[in-house]
Amino acid sequence: MELMEIYEAYDLTGCAWSAAQLAGCDPKTVRRYVAIRAAGGNPHQPRPRHKAIDAFLAKIEEKVDRSKGKIRADVVHKDLVAMGFSGSERTTRRAVAEVKTAWKAGRRRVYRPWVPEPGMWLQWDWGEGPRIAGRRTQLFCAWLAWSRFRVVIPAWDQTLATLTSCLDAALRALGGAPTYLLTDNPKTVTIEHIARVAVRHPQMVELGRHYGCVVCTCEPFDPESKGGVEATVKIAKADLVPTNANLRAAYASFAELEQACAAWSGHINGRRHRQTHRPPIEMLAEERARLHVLPADPYVLALGTERLVGDDRTVRWGDVRYSVPPGHEGHTVWCRVHGEELVIVGRSRHSEHGPRSLRELWRHRLSVPGRPQIVDAHYPEHDGGNGPKAPRPRPQTKAEQAFLAIGPGAQAWLIEAAATGVVRIRVKMARAVELARLLGAARVDEALGLAAINGRFAEADLASICDHLALHERTGSGTRIDEAHSAQPGTACWAAFGNTVKGDHS
């Protein structure tokens, strides 16, 4: 039976009995539907039945309003039971849900569509990156609002130095700086809130002054104000972090992750955007005309954390010592981690780099405590490395000065004699000085050099070598006494003893 047939029959006859006979239903049904139509009601909506919870609806509304829609249904049910409610908790949950829906209906937040302007806003945020060799990484995501241009840079952490370095790299990838830099409220940007007013980090204020930007933060618990970069983080994680959905292989190194991020940015910025119907890279070319020119040098905090170079020409990072090239002792350098390397940046020493301009000094492989990274090239005056160093004779007395004044042969003789534990060295040095006065310093110096080479340190060895040099103008090669040479006659003559000579029959 159609409801419209009942209405049509009643409008025709004006009588419930007659309309019921025409429509084939009970007269009471006709009266009920006609009454609903006359009252302006919905005949398809069932009449509300009286429920046990109806007497407590006022108390439920009061509790929901006082808690601003936060109170739980189980808490409300306990209070209603104490007030005499005998229904089930399921009934209470349904009633609380209906009251909360009605309470929120008049308090729903309305958002005004945000229309970006070119050259105005750059948003950034962080996302959890993939693990490399078990180590966590972070994805720095930046989004230029008008052109929808996206930049993703991997990092090891979210420290202030890393953040500043990523911001500098992102701005240089864009080719300029916008008016505002917007993010949420991390500790690297907002120190604290006083009366719900964000207190900005002093270093971030200085960064904004350096690049000509204003660093802004969104309202707490209000991610909608930077929804563009939130979407960038979501898409970047879905594409770059290996999962069962994208079937991306794990990254073998940090450099491989950097290449993947660069390739992803190039792909996402080169395709047509669904809102603007233009590629972001094409719109960025237009927006660059509205961006501010970047300073030549980055903000110093972007170079890393300050470290003071000690007198040993090293800096400490993570309880590990890293060497620095010469000329920076007592000066400040900046250290930051890039991938698996420690990058050290400092002021140049030479005029060809300008008036002490910033430049990269060295890159070290990251190490662990107990394994310092020391480069021998950073210590040209110490060419011995970690091995034993040759002694340098430094005379302290007049007798030592007189002996070493003979020449380099005397210095070599003293070093060799001291190393081999020769006794009565001072007495032999005095005799060498006397011989130098008699025979000349040149001959004695040569004799001392030969004695050092051949290990001749006995009492009469120096005089013997001097006599030999006097007899022979040209010095032959000396022979060092060792186990390979012996003055004992050989036994070759005994080899034929006892053999019978052929043809001798006597």
Protein backbone atom coordinates (compact mmCIF):
# COMPACT_ATOMS: atom_id res chain seq x y z
CA MET A 1 0.00 0.00 0.00
CA GLU A 2 1.31 3.39 -0.95
CA LEU A 3 1.12 6.24 1.52
CA MET A 4 0.16 8.58 -1.26
CA GLU A 5 -2.90 6.41 -2.05
CA ILE A 6 -4.18 6.98 1.51
CA TYR A 7 -3.72 10.72 1.20
CA GLU A 8 -5.34 10.74 -2.25
CA ALA A 9 -8.37 8.74 -1.03
CA TYR A 10 -8.84 10.96 2.02
CA ASP A 11 -8.56 14.16 -0.02
CA LEU A 12 -11.19 12.77 -2.39
CA THR A 13 -13.76 11.60 0.16
CA GLY A 14 -12.92 13.65 3.24
CA CYS A 15 -13.88 10.65 5.37
CA ALA A 16 -11.57 8.19 7.07
CA TRP A 17 -14.05 5.26 6.61
CA SER A 18 -14.48 5.88 2.92
CA ALA A 19 -10.75 6.51 2.35
CA ALA A 20 -9.94 3.25 4.19
CA GLN A 21 -12.30 1.33 1.89
CA LEU A 22 -10.72 2.86 -1.20
CA ALA A 23 -7.12 2.39 -0.01
CA GLY A 24 -7.74 -1.05 1.48
CA CYS A 25 -6.56 -0.34 5.00
CA ASP A 26 -7.89 0.28 8.47
CA PRO A 27 -9.62 3.63 9.19
CA LYS A 28 -7.35 4.17 12.23
CA THR A 29 -4.34 4.03 9.90
CA VAL A 30 -5.90 6.72 7.75
CA ARG A 31 -6.57 8.94 10.78
CA ARG A 32 -3.00 8.49 12.08
CA TYR A 33 -1.29 9.45 8.79
CA VAL A 34 -3.68 12.33 8.22
CA ALA A 35 -2.92 13.67 11.71
CA ILE A 36 0.82 13.46 11.10
CA ARG A 37 0.43 15.37 7.82
CA ALA A 38 -1.67 18.02 9.47
CA ALA A 39 0.96 18.52 12.18
CA GLY A 40 3.73 18.88 9.58
CA GLY A 41 5.52 15.74 10.72
CA ASN A 42 7.32 12.99 8.87
CA PRO A 43 5.16 9.90 8.55
CA HIS A 44 8.21 7.70 7.93
CA GLN A 45 9.89 8.73 11.18
CA PRO A 46 8.86 6.55 14.10
CA ARG A 47 7.45 8.19 17.19
CA PRO A 48 9.93 8.49 20.01
CA ARG A 49 9.20 6.02 22.73
CA HIS A 50 9.53 6.83 26.35
CA LYS A 51 12.86 5.54 27.72
CA ALA A 52 14.20 5.23 31.22
CA ILE A 53 17.09 7.55 30.36
CA ASP A 54 14.78 10.44 29.46
CA ALA A 55 14.52 11.55 33.08
CA PHE A 56 18.29 11.94 33.27
CA LEU A 57 18.91 13.70 29.96
CA ALA A 58 19.13 17.10 31.65
CA LYS A 59 21.93 15.85 33.92
CA ILE A 60 23.77 14.34 30.93
CA GLU A 61 23.56 17.63 29.04
CA GLU A 62 24.87 19.46 32.09
CA LYS A 63 27.88 17.18 32.41
CA VAL A 64 28.70 17.33 28.70
CA ASP A 65 28.51 21.11 28.69
CA ARG A 66 30.67 21.48 31.82
CA SER A 67 33.34 19.14 30.41
CA LYS A 68 33.12 20.78 26.96
CA GLY A 69 32.30 17.46 25.39
CA LYS A 70 35.25 15.59 26.97
CA ILE A 71 33.50 13.46 29.61
CA ARG A 72 33.36 9.71 29.04
CA ALA A 73 30.13 7.71 28.97
CA ASP A 74 31.28 5.27 31.67
CA VAL A 75 31.84 8.17 34.09
CA VAL A 76 28.36 9.50 33.33
CA HIS A 77 26.85 6.04 33.85
CA LYS A 78 28.36 5.72 37.36
CA ASP A 79 26.85 9.05 38.36
CA LEU A 80 23.44 8.13 36.92
CA VAL A 81 23.41 4.79 38.76
CA ALA A 82 24.08 6.67 41.99
CA MET A 83 21.10 8.88 41.15
CA GLY A 84 18.78 5.89 40.68
CA PHE A 85 19.14 5.00 37.00
CA SER A 86 18.48 1.28 36.48
CA GLY A 87 19.27 1.01 32.76
CA SER A 88 22.32 -0.54 31.12
CA GLU A 89 25.58 1.17 30.31
CA ARG A 90 24.84 0.68 26.61
CA THR A 91 21.78 2.92 26.96
CA THR A 92 23.89 5.55 28.67
CA ARG A 93 26.53 5.42 25.93
CA ARG A 94 23.92 6.01 23.24
CA ALA A 95 22.43 8.96 25.13
CA VAL A 96 25.85 10.53 25.80
CA ALA A 97 26.81 10.16 22.12
CA GLU A 98 23.59 11.90 21.03
CA VAL A 99 24.07 14.74 23.53
CA LYS A 100 27.71 15.23 22.46
CA THR A 101 26.69 15.36 18.80
CA ALA A 102 24.09 18.01 19.56
CA TRP A 103 26.56 19.95 21.73
CA LYS A 104 29.23 20.00 19.02
CA ALA A 105 26.82 20.92 16.27
CA GLY A 106 26.68 24.54 17.36
CA ARG A 107 30.34 24.76 18.21
CA ARG A 108 32.00 23.27 15.13
CA ARG A 109 35.02 25.22 13.94
CA VAL A 110 34.65 26.85 10.53
CA TYR A 111 37.81 27.27 8.46
CA ARG A 112 38.32 30.07 6.04
CA PRO A 113 39.95 28.97 2.78
CA TRP A 114 43.59 30.02 2.72
CA VAL A 115 44.59 31.71 -0.51
CA PRO A 116 48.42 31.94 -0.68
CA GLU A 117 50.27 34.81 -2.30
CA PRO A 118 53.48 34.42 -4.30
CA GLY A 119 56.67 35.01 -2.33
CA MET A 120 54.94 35.00 1.06
CA TRP A 121 54.97 31.61 2.82
CA LEU A 122 57.36 28.70 3.20
CA GLN A 123 56.25 25.91 5.54
CA TRP A 124 58.48 23.19 6.95
CA ASP A 125 58.10 20.14 9.17
CA TRP A 126 59.88 16.88 10.08
CA GLY A 127 58.98 13.28 9.36
CA GLU A 128 60.40 9.96 10.51
CA GLY A 129 62.75 8.66 7.82
CA PRO A 130 64.03 5.15 7.04
CA ARG A 131 66.61 3.37 9.16
CA ILE A 132 70.12 3.01 7.76
CA ALA A 133 72.21 0.27 9.38
CA GLY A 134 69.81 0.35 12.32
CA ARG A 135 70.14 4.13 12.81
CA ARG A 136 67.15 6.46 12.62
CA THR A 137 66.99 9.26 10.07
CA GLN A 138 64.78 12.32 9.71
CA LEU A 139 63.17 13.87 6.64
CA PHE A 140 63.13 17.67 6.51
CA CYS A 141 60.17 18.69 4.33
CA ALA A 142 59.62 22.22 3.03
CA TRP A 143 56.65 23.48 0.98
CA LEU A 144 56.46 26.79 -0.85
CA ALA A 145 52.77 27.68 -0.61
CA TRP A 146 51.97 29.50 -3.87
CA SER A 147 53.92 27.37 -6.32
CA ARG A 148 53.47 24.13 -4.29
CA PHE A 149 57.19 23.45 -4.72
CA ARG A 150 58.48 20.74 -2.35
CA VAL A 151 61.96 20.10 -0.98
CA VAL A 152 62.90 16.98 1.03
CA ILE A 153 66.32 16.76 2.71
CA PRO A 154 67.43 13.77 4.84
CA ALA A 155 69.20 14.33 8.16
CA TRP A 156 70.36 12.34 11.15
CA ASP A 157 68.66 14.48 13.81
CA GLN A 158 66.47 17.54 14.44
CA THR A 159 69.00 19.66 16.28
CA LEU A 160 69.11 23.41 15.84
CA ALA A 161 72.27 23.24 13.73
CA THR A 162 70.79 20.57 11.46
CA LEU A 163 67.53 22.53 11.14
CA THR A 164 69.38 25.69 10.14
CA SER A 165 71.50 23.80 7.65
CA CYS A 166 68.40 22.26 6.07
CA LEU A 167 66.64 25.63 5.91
CA ASP A 168 69.65 27.16 4.20
CA ALA A 169 69.78 24.31 1.69
CA ALA A 170 66.03 24.58 1.03
CA LEU A 171 66.15 28.34 0.47
CA ARG A 172 69.05 27.96 -1.94
CA ALA A 173 67.15 25.23 -3.78
CA LEU A 174 64.26 27.70 -4.16
CA GLY A 175 66.59 30.46 -5.30
CA GLY A 176 65.42 33.03 -2.75
CA ALA A 177 63.77 33.66 0.60
CA PRO A 178 60.03 34.32 1.19
CA THR A 179 58.59 36.75 3.70
CA TYR A 180 57.47 34.17 6.29
CA LEU A 181 58.79 30.83 7.48
CA LEU A 182 56.03 28.82 9.17
CA THR A 183 56.29 25.68 11.29
CA ASP A 184 54.84 24.19 14.46
CA ASN A 185 56.30 24.69 17.93
CA PRO A 186 59.39 22.47 18.43
CA LYS A 187 61.96 23.41 21.04
CA THR A 188 64.36 24.49 18.30
CA VAL A 189 61.91 27.27 17.33
CA THR A 190 59.75 27.99 20.40
CA ILE A 191 61.36 27.91 23.84
CA GLU A 192 58.12 28.11 25.82
CA HIS A 193 54.59 29.56 25.88
CA ILE A 194 53.60 32.38 28.24
CA ALA A 195 49.86 33.15 28.33
CA ARG A 196 49.65 31.07 25.11
CA VAL A 197 52.17 33.40 23.46
CA ALA A 198 55.09 31.59 21.82
CA VAL A 199 58.53 32.73 23.00
CA ARG A 200 60.82 32.45 20.00
CA HIS A 201 64.29 30.90 20.14
CA PRO A 202 66.91 33.70 19.90
CA GLN A 203 68.93 31.82 17.29
CA MET A 204 65.87 31.47 15.07
CA VAL A 205 65.24 35.20 15.34
CA GLU A 206 68.82 35.84 14.25
CA LEU A 207 68.37 33.38 11.39
CA GLY A 208 65.31 35.30 10.20
CA ARG A 209 67.25 38.55 10.29
CA HIS A 210 70.08 36.98 8.34
CA TYR A 211 67.82 35.79 5.52
CA GLY A 212 65.32 38.64 5.71
CA CYS A 213 62.43 36.40 6.82
CA VAL A 214 60.02 36.29 9.75
CA VAL A 215 59.87 32.97 11.58
CA CYS A 216 56.28 32.16 12.55
CA THR A 217 54.65 29.27 14.35
CA CYS A 218 51.09 27.98 14.09
CA GLU A 219 48.65 27.79 16.98
CA PRO A 220 49.14 24.78 19.30
CA PHE A 221 47.05 21.74 18.31
CA ASP A 222 46.22 23.43 15.03
CA PRO A 223 47.90 21.49 12.22
CA GLU A 224 45.42 22.80 9.65
CA SER A 225 47.29 26.11 9.47
CA LYS A 226 50.17 24.31 7.73
CA GLY A 227 48.33 21.52 6.00
CA GLY A 228 50.42 21.81 2.84
CA VAL A 229 53.63 20.69 4.48
CA GLU A 230 51.74 18.07 6.49
CA ALA A 231 50.65 16.54 3.20
CA THR A 232 54.24 16.76 1.94
CA VAL A 233 55.48 14.81 4.95
CA LYS A 234 52.78 12.19 4.45
CA ILE A 235 53.55 11.72 0.75
CA ALA A 236 57.33 11.73 1.25
CA LYS A 237 57.15 9.06 3.95
CA ALA A 238 54.84 6.93 1.82
CA ASP A 239 57.23 7.07 -1.15
CA LEU A 240 60.68 7.16 0.48
CA VAL A 241 60.38 4.96 3.57
CA PRO A 242 60.59 1.26 2.60
CA THR A 243 57.29 -0.51 3.34
CA ASN A 244 55.34 -3.48 2.05
CA ALA A 245 53.14 -1.05 0.13
CA ASN A 246 55.84 0.63 -2.00
CA LEU A 247 58.23 -2.38 -2.04
CA ARG A 248 61.21 -0.04 -1.86
CA ALA A 249 64.48 -1.71 -0.91
CA ALA A 250 66.38 -0.68 2.21
CA TYR A 251 69.02 2.01 1.83
CA ALA A 252 72.63 0.87 2.03
CA SER A 253 74.05 4.31 2.90
CA PHE A 254 73.05 7.86 3.70
CA ALA A 255 74.26 9.01 0.27
CA GLU A 256 71.77 6.64 -1.35
CA LEU A 257 68.96 8.19 0.71
CA GLU A 258 70.07 11.67 -0.40
CA GLN A 259 69.92 10.61 -4.03
CA ALA A 260 66.45 9.13 -3.52
CA CYS A 261 65.18 12.36 -1.91
CA ALA A 262 66.60 14.47 -4.73
CA ALA A 263 65.03 12.19 -7.36
CA TRP A 264 61.69 12.28 -5.53
CA SER A 265 61.71 16.09 -5.35
CA GLY A 266 62.48 16.33 -9.05
CA HIS A 267 59.64 13.95 -9.91
CA ILE A 268 57.00 15.49 -7.63
CA ASN A 269 57.81 19.06 -8.72
CA GLY A 270 57.81 18.20 -12.38
CA ARG A 271 54.33 16.71 -12.62
CA ARG A 272 51.03 18.59 -12.98
CA HIS A 273 49.47 19.66 -9.69
CA ARG A 274 45.79 18.81 -9.31
CA GLN A 275 44.83 22.24 -7.91
CA THR A 276 46.84 24.59 -10.10
CA HIS A 277 46.94 22.32 -13.17
CA ARG A 278 50.58 23.37 -13.61
CA PRO A 279 53.89 21.78 -12.56
CA PRO A 280 55.35 23.38 -9.41
CA ILE A 281 58.74 23.82 -11.10
CA GLU A 282 57.06 26.02 -13.71
CA MET A 283 55.30 28.13 -11.09
CA LEU A 284 58.51 28.46 -9.07
CA ALA A 285 60.12 30.27 -11.99
CA GLU A 286 57.42 32.93 -11.66
CA GLU A 287 57.48 33.07 -7.87
CA ARG A 288 61.25 33.66 -7.76
CA ALA A 289 60.62 37.20 -8.89
CA ARG A 290 58.85 37.77 -5.53
CA LEU A 291 61.49 36.09 -3.36
CA HIS A 292 64.22 38.00 -1.53
CA VAL A 293 67.84 37.64 -2.61
CA LEU A 294 69.80 35.28 -0.36
CA PRO A 295 73.01 36.42 1.34
CA ALA A 296 76.24 35.01 -0.08
CA ASP A 297 77.24 33.26 3.16
CA PRO A 298 74.84 31.06 5.10
CA TYR A 299 73.89 31.79 8.66
CA VAL A 300 76.82 30.60 10.77
CA LEU A 301 74.62 28.25 12.76
CA ALA A 302 73.89 26.44 9.50
CA LEU A 303 77.52 25.46 9.42
CA GLY A 304 77.12 23.48 12.64
CA THR A 305 77.97 23.76 16.31
CA GLU A 306 80.82 25.94 17.47
CA ARG A 307 83.99 24.22 18.65
CA LEU A 308 87.28 25.72 19.82
CA VAL A 309 90.44 24.30 18.28
CA GLY A 310 92.89 23.34 21.01
CA ASP A 311 96.65 23.65 21.09
CA ASP A 312 96.89 20.04 19.91
CA ARG A 313 95.10 21.13 16.72
CA THR A 314 92.00 19.04 17.42
CA VAL A 315 88.33 19.57 18.20
CA ARG A 316 86.09 17.33 20.26
CA TRP A 317 82.81 15.99 18.91
CA GLY A 318 80.94 13.28 20.74
CA ASP A 319 83.93 12.64 23.05
CA VAL A 320 86.11 11.94 20.00
CA ARG A 321 89.06 14.08 18.91
CA TYR A 322 89.26 15.14 15.25
CA SER A 323 92.30 16.91 13.82
CA VAL A 324 92.15 20.25 12.00
CA PRO A 325 94.56 21.67 9.37
CA PRO A 326 97.32 23.99 10.66
CA GLY A 327 96.70 27.63 11.42
CA HIS A 328 93.43 27.38 13.34
CA GLU A 329 94.71 26.82 16.87
CA GLY A 330 92.75 28.91 19.35
CA HIS A 331 90.12 29.83 16.73
CA THR A 332 86.46 28.86 16.49
CA VAL A 333 85.29 26.38 13.87
CA TRP A 334 81.87 24.90 13.13
CA CYS A 335 81.19 21.17 13.12
CA ARG A 336 78.16 19.33 11.82
CA VAL A 337 77.32 15.79 10.81
CA HIS A 338 76.61 15.22 7.14
CA GLY A 339 75.72 11.65 6.37
CA GLU A 340 78.49 9.52 7.84
CA GLU A 341 81.03 12.35 7.97
CA LEU A 342 81.90 15.18 10.33
CA VAL A 343 82.18 18.42 8.36
CA ILE A 344 84.48 21.09 9.85
CA VAL A 345 84.06 24.64 8.55
CA GLY A 346 86.21 27.60 9.55
CA ARG A 347 87.60 30.93 8.48
CA SER A 348 90.23 30.91 5.74
CA ARG A 349 93.76 32.04 6.49
CA HIS A 350 94.80 33.21 3.05
CA SER A 351 93.92 36.35 1.17
CA GLU A 352 92.79 34.54 -2.00
CA HIS A 353 89.64 33.45 -0.15
CA GLY A 354 88.78 37.03 0.76
CA PRO A 355 88.85 38.65 4.21
CA ARG A 356 88.75 35.44 6.23
CA SER A 357 85.78 34.01 4.39
CA LEU A 358 84.07 30.80 5.47
CA ARG A 359 85.19 27.57 3.84
CA GLU A 360 85.19 23.87 4.52
CA LEU A 361 88.41 22.81 6.26
CA TRP A 362 88.13 19.02 6.41
CA ARG A 363 85.79 16.04 6.47
CA HIS A 364 86.33 13.11 8.84
CA ARG A 365 84.64 9.75 9.02
CA LEU A 366 82.58 9.59 12.19
CA SER A 367 84.31 7.61 14.90
CA VAL A 368 83.59 6.34 18.41
CA PRO A 369 85.20 7.26 21.75
CA GLY A 370 88.64 5.77 22.08
CA ARG A 371 89.38 6.02 18.35
CA PRO A 372 90.48 9.59 17.53
CA GLN A 373 90.67 10.68 13.91
CA ILE A 374 94.13 12.20 13.48
CA VAL A 375 95.46 12.99 10.00
CA ASP A 376 99.26 13.07 9.61
CA ALA A 377 98.98 15.83 7.00
CA HIS A 378 97.68 18.15 9.72
CA TYR A 379 101.01 17.86 11.56
CA PRO A 380 103.75 18.55 8.99
CA GLU A 381 106.23 19.39 11.74
CA HIS A 382 105.70 15.93 13.25
CA ASP A 383 106.39 13.58 10.36
CA GLY A 384 107.06 10.61 12.59
CA GLY A 385 103.43 9.84 13.13
CA ASN A 386 102.70 7.75 16.21
CA GLY A 387 106.03 5.87 16.10
CA PRO A 388 109.17 6.70 18.11
CA LYS A 389 110.66 10.01 17.13
CA ALA A 390 114.38 10.47 16.45
CA PRO A 391 116.08 12.47 19.20
CA ARG A 392 117.25 15.98 18.43
CA PRO A 393 120.48 16.84 20.26
CA ARG A 394 120.18 20.15 22.09
CA PRO A 395 123.46 21.05 23.86
CA GLN A 396 123.17 22.16 27.47
CA THR A 397 126.86 22.53 28.45
CA LYS A 398 129.94 24.00 26.80
CA ALA A 399 131.44 20.52 26.34
CA GLU A 400 128.30 19.38 24.51
CA GLN A 401 128.32 22.52 22.39
CA ALA A 402 131.96 21.97 21.43
CA PHE A 403 131.33 18.36 20.40
CA LEU A 404 128.19 19.07 18.35
CA ALA A 405 129.91 22.00 16.69
CA ILE A 406 132.21 19.53 14.91
CA GLY A 407 129.45 18.74 12.41
CA PRO A 408 126.55 16.50 11.49
CA GLY A 409 128.75 13.43 11.90
CA ALA A 410 129.13 14.25 15.59
CA GLN A 411 125.35 14.52 15.95
CA ALA A 412 124.83 11.15 14.23
CA TRP A 413 127.55 9.56 16.41
CA LEU A 414 125.90 10.80 19.60
CA ILE A 415 122.46 9.52 18.57
CA GLU A 416 123.76 6.07 17.59
CA ALA A 417 126.00 5.77 20.61
CA ALA A 418 123.17 6.66 22.99
CA ALA A 419 120.83 4.19 21.28
CA THR A 420 123.30 1.29 21.58
CA GLY A 421 124.17 1.97 25.23
CA VAL A 422 127.81 2.96 24.77
CA VAL A 423 129.58 3.68 28.05
CA ARG A 424 131.85 6.65 28.82
CA ILE A 425 130.28 8.76 26.07
CA ARG A 426 131.32 12.07 27.61
CA VAL A 427 134.99 10.96 27.76
CA LYS A 428 134.90 9.90 24.10
CA MET A 429 133.24 13.18 23.17
CA ALA A 430 136.06 15.10 24.86
CA ARG A 431 138.69 13.09 22.94
CA ALA A 432 136.84 13.81 19.70
CA VAL A 433 137.02 17.54 20.46
CA GLU A 434 140.78 17.23 21.08
CA LEU A 435 141.25 15.34 17.80
CA ALA A 436 139.25 18.01 15.97
CA ARG A 437 141.68 20.65 17.25
CA LEU A 438 144.65 18.58 16.09
CA LEU A 439 143.44 17.10 12.80
CA GLY A 440 140.71 19.49 11.82
CA ALA A 441 136.97 19.39 12.37
CA ALA A 442 136.18 18.14 8.86
CA ARG A 443 138.23 14.94 9.14
CA VAL A 444 136.99 14.17 12.65
CA ASP A 445 133.41 14.83 11.62
CA GLU A 446 133.79 12.40 8.72
CA ALA A 447 135.34 9.84 11.04
CA LEU A 448 132.50 10.24 13.53
CA GLY A 449 129.97 9.72 10.76
CA LEU A 450 131.73 6.52 9.62
CA ALA A 451 131.95 5.30 13.20
CA ALA A 452 128.19 5.86 13.63
CA ILE A 453 127.40 4.00 10.40
CA ASN A 454 129.62 1.02 11.18
CA GLY A 455 128.98 0.85 14.91
CA ARG A 456 132.60 1.65 15.92
CA PHE A 457 132.35 3.11 19.43
CA ALA A 458 135.42 1.63 21.16
CA GLU A 459 138.09 3.77 22.84
CA ALA A 460 140.57 3.73 19.93
CA ASP A 461 138.09 3.41 17.05
CA LEU A 462 137.84 7.14 16.33
CA ALA A 463 141.65 7.59 16.18
CA SER A 464 141.96 4.49 14.00
CA ILE A 465 139.39 5.78 11.53
CA CYS A 466 141.16 9.16 11.44
CA ASP A 467 144.49 7.40 10.65
CA HIS A 468 142.79 5.41 7.91
CA LEU A 469 141.36 8.59 6.39
CA ALA A 470 144.78 10.20 6.53
CA LEU A 471 146.38 7.27 4.63
CA HIS A 472 143.63 6.95 2.07
CA GLU A 473 142.32 10.10 0.50
CA ARG A 474 139.25 8.38 -0.78
CA THR A 475 137.15 6.58 1.70
CA GLY A 476 136.10 3.09 0.71
CA SER A 477 132.95 1.37 1.81
CA GLY A 478 133.18 0.23 5.38
CA THR A 479 132.49 -3.27 6.60
CA ARG A 480 130.24 -3.74 9.56
CA ILE A 481 131.26 -6.60 11.86
CA ASP A 482 128.45 -9.09 12.17
CA GLU A 483 127.82 -12.86 12.04
CA ALA A 484 128.15 -12.96 8.25
CA HIS A 485 131.86 -12.01 8.38
CA SER A 486 134.48 -13.93 10.34
CA ALA A 487 138.26 -13.67 10.70
CA GLN A 488 138.64 -17.41 11.44
CA PRO A 489 140.29 -19.40 8.59
CA GLY A 490 138.06 -21.82 6.70
CA THR A 491 138.28 -25.66 6.39
CA ALA A 492 138.30 -25.91 2.61
CA CYS A 493 141.91 -27.18 2.64
CA TRP A 494 140.85 -30.21 4.65
CA ALA A 495 138.30 -31.31 2.06
CA ALA A 496 140.79 -33.59 0.15
CA PHE A 497 142.48 -35.00 3.23
CA GLY A 498 142.54 -38.84 3.20
CA ASN A 499 141.64 -39.17 -0.47
CA THR A 500 143.94 -41.43 -2.54
CA VAL A 501 145.61 -39.68 -5.41
CA LYS A 502 145.05 -41.55 -8.69
CA GLY A 503 148.20 -43.32 -10.00
CA ASP A 504 150.09 -43.27 -6.63
CA HIS A 505 151.02 -46.88 -5.62
CA SER A 506 153.80 -46.19 -3.15
